[in-house]
Amino acid sequence: MLKATNIHKAYGKLDILKGVDLEVKKGEIVTIVGASGAGKSTLLNILGTLDRPDQGQLFINNLEVSKLNNTNLSDFRNQRIGFIFQFHHLLDEFNAVENVSIPAFIKGVSRSEAEKNATALLERLGLGDRLTHKPNELSGGEQQRVAVARALINKPAIIFADEPSGNLDSANSLELHKLFIRLRDEFNQTFVIVTHNEELANMSDRTVLMKDGLVSV
């Protein structure tokens, strides 16, 4: 599903990534762990095509995305990649269904179809009674499940998550981690997750340790 080869990234004279190689299989949950400053989020941003490497190749679903121009890369990201962040980044003025539907709107899906699919996802994630609630009317765990539904709406090839349970209490963190496992089991969904949460790392299929801009499996 994902293959990164010799990924380098520097900001000014500071080398962050120093030749990272990583492969992820379809349906695999891989967690990336390591100390703060090791380059985890920088790597995730590059793997998720939010940033470009200074050097190296990145393939997702057998497509060399590192060669795409900005327009095609933006379309690929919208259609084939899902993102979940520590902060849910829901839009306050929109309800749960509308927030989940936004990536589908960008893809060009009709409003009726997008909201139908968003409703089905939210119901599947246990939020059937929260469809018209706005973010400030939802708990932290509910907000993050809305963010998960938003990541899933375009049926992505792979989902990237950056500290997805970092803002949740232990009970909601465990529920979110179990949800990732269920999505992998039911849909063969692929996850790459940066986390400091040992419980989530232990539940994953494989943990990659990042240190000084390199990874060890």
Protein backbone atom coordinates (compact mmCIF):
# COMPACT_ATOMS: atom_id res chain seq x y z
CA MET A 1 0.00 0.00 0.00
CA LEU A 2 2.85 2.39 0.85
CA LYS A 3 6.54 2.40 0.03
CA ALA A 4 8.89 5.22 0.99
CA THR A 5 12.53 5.04 -0.10
CA ASN A 6 15.44 7.23 1.04
CA ILE A 7 13.25 10.08 2.29
CA HIS A 8 15.22 13.17 3.27
CA LYS A 9 13.90 16.45 4.66
CA ALA A 10 15.70 19.47 6.03
CA TYR A 11 14.57 22.88 7.22
CA GLY A 12 17.42 25.28 6.64
CA LYS A 13 20.54 23.59 7.98
CA LEU A 14 18.57 21.27 10.26
CA ASP A 15 18.32 17.74 8.89
CA ILE A 16 15.07 16.18 10.12
CA LEU A 17 14.79 13.02 7.99
CA LYS A 18 18.05 11.38 6.97
CA GLY A 19 17.11 8.62 4.54
CA VAL A 20 13.93 6.95 5.79
CA ASP A 21 12.79 3.67 4.24
CA LEU A 22 9.34 2.33 5.14
CA GLU A 23 6.86 -0.13 3.67
CA VAL A 24 3.26 -0.67 4.83
CA LYS A 25 1.05 -3.49 3.62
CA LYS A 26 -2.64 -3.15 2.79
CA GLY A 27 -4.78 -3.74 5.88
CA GLU A 28 -1.87 -3.15 8.25
CA ILE A 29 -1.90 -0.87 11.30
CA VAL A 30 1.58 0.59 11.78
CA THR A 31 2.43 2.91 14.63
CA ILE A 32 5.43 5.25 14.56
CA VAL A 33 6.89 5.97 17.99
CA GLY A 34 9.90 7.87 19.29
CA ALA A 35 10.97 10.84 21.36
CA SER A 36 9.80 14.36 20.61
CA GLY A 37 11.94 15.86 17.86
CA ALA A 38 12.73 12.51 16.26
CA GLY A 39 10.95 13.51 13.04
CA LYS A 40 7.71 11.52 13.41
CA SER A 41 5.28 14.26 12.39
CA THR A 42 7.55 15.46 9.60
CA LEU A 43 7.62 11.92 8.22
CA LEU A 44 3.85 11.56 8.55
CA ASN A 45 3.28 14.83 6.70
CA ILE A 46 5.45 13.61 3.84
CA LEU A 47 3.87 10.15 3.74
CA GLY A 48 0.46 11.84 3.71
CA THR A 49 1.56 14.18 0.88
CA LEU A 50 1.01 17.30 2.98
CA ASP A 51 4.69 18.11 2.46
CA ARG A 52 7.24 17.06 -0.14
CA PRO A 53 10.59 15.38 0.59
CA ASP A 54 13.83 17.02 -0.46
CA GLN A 55 14.93 13.65 -1.77
CA GLY A 56 13.46 10.17 -2.13
CA GLN A 57 10.48 8.35 -3.60
CA LEU A 58 7.00 7.79 -2.24
CA PHE A 59 4.55 5.26 -3.68
CA ILE A 60 0.96 4.91 -2.47
CA ASN A 61 -1.23 2.20 -3.97
CA ASN A 62 1.47 1.63 -6.63
CA LEU A 63 1.43 5.26 -7.77
CA GLU A 64 4.58 7.36 -7.40
CA VAL A 65 2.90 10.33 -5.76
CA SER A 66 6.19 12.15 -5.26
CA LYS A 67 6.16 12.88 -9.02
CA LEU A 68 2.63 14.35 -9.16
CA ASN A 69 2.19 18.07 -9.72
CA ASN A 70 0.41 20.10 -7.05
CA THR A 71 -3.04 19.91 -8.67
CA ASN A 72 -2.95 16.17 -9.24
CA LEU A 73 -1.45 15.61 -5.81
CA SER A 74 -4.26 17.61 -4.21
CA ASP A 75 -6.86 15.51 -6.05
CA PHE A 76 -5.12 12.28 -5.05
CA ARG A 77 -4.96 13.38 -1.41
CA ASN A 78 -8.67 14.22 -1.36
CA GLN A 79 -9.75 10.97 -2.99
CA ARG A 80 -7.30 8.38 -1.67
CA ILE A 81 -5.98 9.60 1.70
CA GLY A 82 -7.72 10.13 5.04
CA PHE A 83 -6.36 12.20 7.91
CA ILE A 84 -7.03 12.16 11.65
CA PHE A 85 -5.26 14.68 13.87
CA GLN A 86 -4.87 15.22 17.62
CA PHE A 87 -7.21 18.19 17.34
CA HIS A 88 -10.32 17.20 15.44
CA HIS A 89 -10.37 20.35 13.26
CA LEU A 90 -14.15 20.22 12.86
CA LEU A 91 -15.79 23.40 11.60
CA ASP A 92 -17.84 24.94 14.41
CA GLU A 93 -20.61 26.30 12.20
CA PHE A 94 -21.45 22.90 10.67
CA ASN A 95 -23.14 19.88 12.24
CA ALA A 96 -21.70 16.36 12.31
CA VAL A 97 -23.16 15.26 8.95
CA GLU A 98 -22.00 18.45 7.23
CA ASN A 99 -18.48 18.19 8.68
CA VAL A 100 -18.13 14.60 7.52
CA SER A 101 -19.47 15.48 4.06
CA ILE A 102 -16.95 18.23 3.29
CA PRO A 103 -14.25 16.01 1.65
CA ALA A 104 -16.99 14.42 -0.49
CA PHE A 105 -18.21 17.86 -1.58
CA ILE A 106 -14.63 18.72 -2.60
CA LYS A 107 -14.50 15.45 -4.58
CA GLY A 108 -17.62 16.53 -6.48
CA VAL A 109 -20.14 14.19 -4.88
CA SER A 110 -23.69 15.57 -4.79
CA ARG A 111 -24.95 16.96 -1.49
CA SER A 112 -27.66 14.30 -1.14
CA GLU A 113 -25.27 11.40 -1.75
CA ALA A 114 -22.53 12.86 0.44
CA GLU A 115 -24.87 13.42 3.37
CA LYS A 116 -26.40 9.96 2.91
CA ASN A 117 -22.94 8.38 3.10
CA ALA A 118 -21.94 10.60 6.01
CA THR A 119 -25.07 9.61 7.93
CA ALA A 120 -24.36 5.92 7.34
CA LEU A 121 -20.79 6.31 8.59
CA LEU A 122 -21.80 8.24 11.69
CA GLU A 123 -24.46 5.67 12.52
CA ARG A 124 -21.88 2.90 12.12
CA LEU A 125 -19.60 4.74 14.53
CA GLY A 126 -22.34 5.01 17.14
CA LEU A 127 -23.30 8.63 16.48
CA GLY A 128 -26.75 8.12 14.96
CA ASP A 129 -28.28 10.38 17.62
CA ARG A 130 -25.71 13.14 17.06
CA LEU A 131 -26.13 13.76 13.33
CA THR A 132 -27.33 17.36 13.61
CA HIS A 133 -25.19 18.30 16.61
CA LYS A 134 -22.46 20.89 16.15
CA PRO A 135 -18.95 20.29 17.57
CA ASN A 136 -19.57 22.30 20.74
CA GLU A 137 -22.50 20.00 21.49
CA LEU A 138 -20.36 16.86 21.30
CA SER A 139 -17.96 15.29 23.79
CA GLY A 140 -14.27 15.00 22.98
CA GLY A 141 -14.65 11.34 22.09
CA GLU A 142 -17.66 12.06 19.88
CA GLN A 143 -15.81 14.87 18.10
CA GLN A 144 -12.93 12.54 17.32
CA ARG A 145 -15.30 9.87 15.98
CA VAL A 146 -16.80 12.52 13.67
CA ALA A 147 -13.23 13.22 12.52
CA VAL A 148 -12.74 9.49 11.86
CA ALA A 149 -15.94 9.43 9.78
CA ARG A 150 -14.69 12.45 7.83
CA ALA A 151 -11.42 10.60 7.12
CA LEU A 152 -13.40 7.62 5.81
CA ILE A 153 -16.00 9.41 3.67
CA ASN A 154 -14.11 9.14 0.36
CA LYS A 155 -13.13 5.49 0.97
CA PRO A 156 -9.40 6.24 1.15
CA ALA A 157 -6.66 3.78 0.33
CA ILE A 158 -4.83 4.68 3.54
CA ILE A 159 -5.42 6.74 6.69
CA PHE A 160 -2.73 8.78 8.46
CA ALA A 161 -3.24 9.75 12.09
CA ASP A 162 -1.09 12.12 14.17
CA GLU A 163 -1.55 11.57 17.93
CA PRO A 164 -5.27 10.79 17.37
CA SER A 165 -5.95 10.04 21.04
CA GLY A 166 -3.64 12.73 22.44
CA ASN A 167 -6.57 14.92 23.54
CA LEU A 168 -8.76 12.11 24.92
CA ASP A 169 -9.09 10.57 28.35
CA SER A 170 -8.12 6.92 28.84
CA ALA A 171 -11.64 5.53 28.28
CA ASN A 172 -12.19 7.44 25.03
CA SER A 173 -8.64 6.63 23.91
CA LEU A 174 -9.30 2.92 24.30
CA GLU A 175 -12.57 3.20 22.37
CA LEU A 176 -10.82 5.05 19.55
CA HIS A 177 -8.05 2.44 19.41
CA LYS A 178 -10.60 -0.39 19.29
CA LEU A 179 -12.37 1.48 16.47
CA PHE A 180 -9.18 1.49 14.39
CA ILE A 181 -8.87 -2.28 14.87
CA ARG A 182 -12.51 -2.77 13.88
CA LEU A 183 -12.13 -0.65 10.75
CA ARG A 184 -9.08 -2.65 9.76
CA ASP A 185 -10.88 -5.95 10.36
CA GLU A 186 -14.14 -4.96 8.61
CA PHE A 187 -12.82 -2.90 5.70
CA ASN A 188 -9.17 -4.00 5.41
CA GLN A 189 -8.34 -0.35 6.07
CA THR A 190 -4.67 0.64 6.31
CA PHE A 191 -3.43 2.96 9.08
CA VAL A 192 -0.15 4.74 9.74
CA ILE A 193 -0.29 6.34 13.18
CA VAL A 194 2.15 8.57 15.05
CA THR A 195 1.58 8.14 18.77
CA HIS A 196 3.09 8.39 22.25
CA ASN A 197 0.35 6.09 23.52
CA GLU A 198 1.94 2.74 24.46
CA GLU A 199 -1.46 1.03 24.57
CA LEU A 200 -2.19 1.96 20.95
CA ALA A 201 1.32 0.96 19.87
CA ASN A 202 0.86 -2.43 21.55
CA MET A 203 -2.48 -2.96 19.77
CA SER A 204 -1.03 -2.24 16.32
CA ASP A 205 0.29 -4.86 13.91
CA ARG A 206 3.75 -3.34 13.88
CA THR A 207 5.62 -0.54 15.63
CA VAL A 208 8.34 1.50 13.96
CA LEU A 209 10.80 3.33 16.21
CA MET A 210 12.04 6.67 14.96
CA LYS A 211 15.29 8.09 16.28
CA ASP A 212 17.49 10.89 14.97
CA GLY A 213 15.72 11.09 11.64
CA LEU A 214 15.84 7.38 10.84
CA VAL A 215 13.54 4.44 11.49
CA SER A 216 14.17 0.96 12.84
CA VAL A 217 11.55 -1.77 12.50
